[in-house]
Amino acid sequence: MLDLRLVDGTIESFPYAYLTRVRFSPDDTIAMRFGKDEVRVMGRNLYRLFETITEQRTRIIQEGAEGEEGLKPADAVHVERTEIMEGEEL
């Protein structure tokens, strides 16, 4: 399972068995399709995260809290926002 931990404390888990597509965009967005649901992860320096997702080695994606980005090194991964769109919403 891939856990998405949102800044408000919510955790959503998605099974890798339903992961059918992963797309990385140069604007540092990762889009993942789990069955009929789509998850988008936006942030900074996300290419390495994309690689570990496609290798099914990522266990947790954690949204960063406001102001946290400035405390990380410039080359560190930072997830600003996660969007979950259920099949009906697409």
N, C-alpha and C. Protein backbone atom coordinates (compact mmCIF):
# COMPACT_ATOMS: atom_id res chain seq x y z
N MET A 1 0.84 -1.19 0.00
CA MET A 1 0.00 0.00 0.00
C MET A 1 0.88 1.25 0.00
N LEU A 2 0.36 2.30 -0.61
CA LEU A 2 1.01 3.60 -0.61
C LEU A 2 0.15 4.52 0.24
N ASP A 3 0.72 5.03 1.34
CA ASP A 3 0.00 5.93 2.24
C ASP A 3 0.23 7.38 1.82
N LEU A 4 -0.85 8.13 1.73
CA LEU A 4 -0.79 9.57 1.50
C LEU A 4 -1.17 10.23 2.81
N ARG A 5 -0.22 10.92 3.42
CA ARG A 5 -0.46 11.58 4.70
C ARG A 5 -0.62 13.07 4.44
N LEU A 6 -1.84 13.54 4.68
CA LEU A 6 -2.15 14.94 4.42
C LEU A 6 -1.81 15.79 5.62
N VAL A 7 -1.61 17.07 5.38
CA VAL A 7 -1.18 17.98 6.44
C VAL A 7 -2.22 18.07 7.57
N ASP A 8 -3.49 17.77 7.28
CA ASP A 8 -4.53 17.85 8.33
C ASP A 8 -4.61 16.58 9.18
N GLY A 9 -3.72 15.61 8.90
CA GLY A 9 -3.70 14.37 9.69
C GLY A 9 -4.42 13.20 9.03
N THR A 10 -5.14 13.46 7.94
CA THR A 10 -5.83 12.40 7.21
C THR A 10 -4.80 11.51 6.51
N ILE A 11 -5.06 10.20 6.52
CA ILE A 11 -4.22 9.25 5.79
C ILE A 11 -5.11 8.45 4.86
N GLU A 12 -4.75 8.43 3.59
CA GLU A 12 -5.43 7.62 2.58
C GLU A 12 -4.42 6.60 2.08
N SER A 13 -4.84 5.36 1.94
CA SER A 13 -3.94 4.31 1.46
C SER A 13 -4.47 3.75 0.15
N PHE A 14 -3.56 3.52 -0.79
CA PHE A 14 -3.90 2.98 -2.09
C PHE A 14 -3.03 1.75 -2.35
N PRO A 15 -3.63 0.66 -2.84
CA PRO A 15 -2.86 -0.55 -3.11
C PRO A 15 -2.07 -0.43 -4.41
N TYR A 16 -0.80 -0.80 -4.36
CA TYR A 16 0.02 -0.79 -5.57
C TYR A 16 -0.57 -1.71 -6.64
N ALA A 17 -1.32 -2.73 -6.25
CA ALA A 17 -1.91 -3.65 -7.22
C ALA A 17 -2.84 -2.93 -8.19
N TYR A 18 -3.42 -1.80 -7.77
CA TYR A 18 -4.34 -1.04 -8.63
C TYR A 18 -3.66 0.13 -9.34
N LEU A 19 -2.36 0.31 -9.13
CA LEU A 19 -1.63 1.39 -9.79
C LEU A 19 -1.37 0.99 -11.24
N THR A 20 -2.04 1.69 -12.17
CA THR A 20 -1.94 1.33 -13.58
C THR A 20 -1.16 2.35 -14.40
N ARG A 21 -0.96 3.55 -13.85
CA ARG A 21 -0.25 4.58 -14.62
C ARG A 21 0.34 5.61 -13.68
N VAL A 22 1.57 6.06 -14.00
CA VAL A 22 2.22 7.13 -13.24
C VAL A 22 2.82 8.09 -14.26
N ARG A 23 2.56 9.39 -14.07
CA ARG A 23 3.09 10.39 -14.99
C ARG A 23 3.81 11.49 -14.20
N PHE A 24 5.02 11.82 -14.63
CA PHE A 24 5.77 12.93 -14.04
C PHE A 24 5.74 14.08 -15.04
N SER A 25 5.38 15.28 -14.58
CA SER A 25 5.41 16.48 -15.42
C SER A 25 6.54 17.37 -14.95
N PRO A 26 7.18 18.08 -15.89
CA PRO A 26 8.32 18.94 -15.53
C PRO A 26 7.99 20.05 -14.54
N ASP A 27 6.71 20.34 -14.34
CA ASP A 27 6.34 21.34 -13.34
C ASP A 27 6.31 20.75 -11.93
N ASP A 28 6.95 19.58 -11.77
CA ASP A 28 7.01 18.85 -10.50
C ASP A 28 5.63 18.42 -10.01
N THR A 29 4.92 17.74 -10.90
CA THR A 29 3.64 17.12 -10.57
C THR A 29 3.72 15.65 -10.93
N ILE A 30 3.25 14.81 -10.03
CA ILE A 30 3.14 13.38 -10.28
C ILE A 30 1.66 13.03 -10.29
N ALA A 31 1.20 12.37 -11.35
CA ALA A 31 -0.19 11.92 -11.43
C ALA A 31 -0.17 10.39 -11.43
N MET A 32 -0.99 9.80 -10.56
CA MET A 32 -1.07 8.35 -10.43
C MET A 32 -2.51 7.91 -10.60
N ARG A 33 -2.70 6.82 -11.33
CA ARG A 33 -4.04 6.26 -11.53
C ARG A 33 -4.13 4.95 -10.78
N PHE A 34 -5.07 4.90 -9.83
CA PHE A 34 -5.36 3.68 -9.06
C PHE A 34 -6.79 3.27 -9.42
N GLY A 35 -6.93 2.34 -10.35
CA GLY A 35 -8.26 1.97 -10.80
C GLY A 35 -8.94 3.18 -11.41
N LYS A 36 -10.09 3.57 -10.86
CA LYS A 36 -10.83 4.74 -11.36
C LYS A 36 -10.42 6.03 -10.66
N ASP A 37 -9.60 5.94 -9.64
CA ASP A 37 -9.20 7.13 -8.87
C ASP A 37 -7.88 7.69 -9.39
N GLU A 38 -7.73 9.00 -9.27
CA GLU A 38 -6.47 9.64 -9.64
C GLU A 38 -5.94 10.43 -8.46
N VAL A 39 -4.64 10.34 -8.26
CA VAL A 39 -3.96 11.09 -7.20
C VAL A 39 -2.93 11.98 -7.87
N ARG A 40 -2.91 13.25 -7.48
CA ARG A 40 -1.89 14.18 -7.98
C ARG A 40 -1.09 14.70 -6.79
N VAL A 41 0.22 14.68 -6.97
CA VAL A 41 1.15 15.16 -5.95
C VAL A 41 1.93 16.31 -6.57
N MET A 42 1.89 17.48 -5.94
CA MET A 42 2.59 18.65 -6.44
C MET A 42 3.60 19.12 -5.42
N GLY A 43 4.75 19.58 -5.90
CA GLY A 43 5.76 20.04 -4.96
C GLY A 43 7.03 20.46 -5.65
N ARG A 44 8.15 20.07 -5.03
CA ARG A 44 9.48 20.48 -5.50
C ARG A 44 10.40 19.26 -5.47
N ASN A 45 11.21 19.13 -6.52
CA ASN A 45 12.20 18.04 -6.61
C ASN A 45 11.54 16.65 -6.50
N LEU A 46 10.49 16.43 -7.26
CA LEU A 46 9.71 15.20 -7.13
C LEU A 46 10.15 14.06 -8.04
N TYR A 47 11.15 14.29 -8.90
CA TYR A 47 11.52 13.23 -9.84
C TYR A 47 11.98 11.95 -9.14
N ARG A 48 12.79 12.08 -8.12
CA ARG A 48 13.25 10.87 -7.39
C ARG A 48 12.07 10.15 -6.75
N LEU A 49 11.10 10.89 -6.22
CA LEU A 49 9.88 10.28 -5.68
C LEU A 49 9.15 9.52 -6.77
N PHE A 50 9.05 10.10 -7.96
CA PHE A 50 8.43 9.43 -9.11
C PHE A 50 9.12 8.09 -9.38
N GLU A 51 10.44 8.10 -9.38
CA GLU A 51 11.19 6.86 -9.64
C GLU A 51 10.88 5.79 -8.59
N THR A 52 10.86 6.17 -7.33
CA THR A 52 10.61 5.16 -6.29
C THR A 52 9.15 4.67 -6.31
N ILE A 53 8.23 5.52 -6.75
CA ILE A 53 6.84 5.07 -6.91
C ILE A 53 6.76 4.03 -8.01
N THR A 54 7.41 4.31 -9.16
CA THR A 54 7.34 3.35 -10.27
C THR A 54 8.04 2.04 -9.94
N GLU A 55 8.98 2.08 -9.01
CA GLU A 55 9.65 0.87 -8.53
C GLU A 55 8.86 0.21 -7.40
N GLN A 56 7.74 0.81 -7.01
CA GLN A 56 6.88 0.35 -5.91
C GLN A 56 7.66 0.25 -4.60
N ARG A 57 8.53 1.23 -4.35
CA ARG A 57 9.32 1.25 -3.12
C ARG A 57 8.93 2.39 -2.19
N THR A 58 8.05 3.28 -2.63
CA THR A 58 7.61 4.36 -1.76
C THR A 58 6.51 3.82 -0.85
N ARG A 59 6.64 4.03 0.42
CA ARG A 59 5.64 3.57 1.40
C ARG A 59 4.73 4.73 1.80
N ILE A 60 5.30 5.93 1.95
CA ILE A 60 4.55 7.09 2.47
C ILE A 60 4.89 8.32 1.64
N ILE A 61 3.85 9.09 1.31
CA ILE A 61 4.02 10.43 0.75
C ILE A 61 3.40 11.38 1.77
N GLN A 62 4.22 12.28 2.30
CA GLN A 62 3.79 13.19 3.37
C GLN A 62 3.74 14.62 2.85
N GLU A 63 2.56 15.25 2.96
CA GLU A 63 2.46 16.68 2.62
C GLU A 63 3.25 17.48 3.64
N GLY A 64 3.93 18.50 3.17
CA GLY A 64 4.68 19.37 4.07
C GLY A 64 3.78 20.46 4.64
N ALA A 65 4.06 20.85 5.86
CA ALA A 65 3.31 21.93 6.49
C ALA A 65 3.77 23.27 5.92
N GLU A 66 2.90 24.27 6.01
CA GLU A 66 3.24 25.60 5.52
C GLU A 66 4.49 26.10 6.25
N GLY A 67 5.42 26.65 5.51
CA GLY A 67 6.65 27.16 6.10
C GLY A 67 7.75 26.13 6.22
N GLU A 68 7.42 24.86 6.07
CA GLU A 68 8.39 23.79 6.20
C GLU A 68 9.36 23.75 5.01
N GLU A 69 8.88 24.14 3.83
CA GLU A 69 9.69 24.07 2.62
C GLU A 69 10.99 24.86 2.77
N GLY A 70 10.94 26.03 3.39
CA GLY A 70 12.11 26.86 3.55
C GLY A 70 13.16 26.28 4.49
N LEU A 71 12.78 25.30 5.30
CA LEU A 71 13.70 24.68 6.24
C LEU A 71 14.47 23.51 5.63
N LYS A 72 14.05 23.07 4.44
CA LYS A 72 14.68 21.92 3.80
C LYS A 72 15.79 22.40 2.87
N PRO A 73 16.79 21.55 2.63
CA PRO A 73 17.81 21.88 1.63
C PRO A 73 17.18 22.11 0.26
N ALA A 74 17.81 22.89 -0.57
CA ALA A 74 17.26 23.24 -1.89
C ALA A 74 17.00 22.02 -2.76
N ASP A 75 17.76 20.93 -2.58
CA ASP A 75 17.58 19.75 -3.42
C ASP A 75 16.68 18.68 -2.78
N ALA A 76 16.07 18.98 -1.65
CA ALA A 76 15.22 18.01 -0.94
C ALA A 76 13.82 17.94 -1.58
N VAL A 77 13.22 16.77 -1.50
CA VAL A 77 11.84 16.59 -1.95
C VAL A 77 10.92 17.34 -0.99
N HIS A 78 9.95 18.07 -1.56
CA HIS A 78 8.95 18.74 -0.73
C HIS A 78 7.60 18.60 -1.43
N VAL A 79 6.62 18.02 -0.75
CA VAL A 79 5.26 17.87 -1.27
C VAL A 79 4.42 19.02 -0.72
N GLU A 80 3.99 19.89 -1.62
CA GLU A 80 3.17 21.04 -1.22
C GLU A 80 1.70 20.67 -1.08
N ARG A 81 1.22 19.84 -2.03
CA ARG A 81 -0.21 19.55 -2.06
C ARG A 81 -0.45 18.18 -2.68
N THR A 82 -1.48 17.52 -2.18
CA THR A 82 -1.92 16.23 -2.72
C THR A 82 -3.41 16.34 -3.03
N GLU A 83 -3.79 15.95 -4.22
CA GLU A 83 -5.20 15.94 -4.61
C GLU A 83 -5.63 14.52 -4.90
N ILE A 84 -6.78 14.14 -4.36
CA ILE A 84 -7.34 12.80 -4.60
C ILE A 84 -8.69 12.99 -5.28
N MET A 85 -8.80 12.46 -6.49
CA MET A 85 -10.05 12.56 -7.23
C MET A 85 -10.63 11.17 -7.41
N GLU A 86 -11.76 10.95 -6.82
CA GLU A 86 -12.40 9.64 -6.94
C GLU A 86 -13.03 9.51 -8.31
N GLY A 87 -13.19 8.28 -8.77
CA GLY A 87 -13.69 7.98 -10.11
C GLY A 87 -14.84 8.83 -10.58
N GLU A 88 -15.79 9.11 -9.73
CA GLU A 88 -16.97 9.89 -10.11
C GLU A 88 -16.62 11.35 -10.40
N GLU A 89 -15.53 11.84 -9.79
CA GLU A 89 -15.16 13.25 -9.93
C GLU A 89 -14.39 13.54 -11.21
N LEU A 90 -13.84 12.50 -11.84
CA LEU A 90 -12.99 12.70 -13.02
C LEU A 90 -13.75 13.09 -14.24
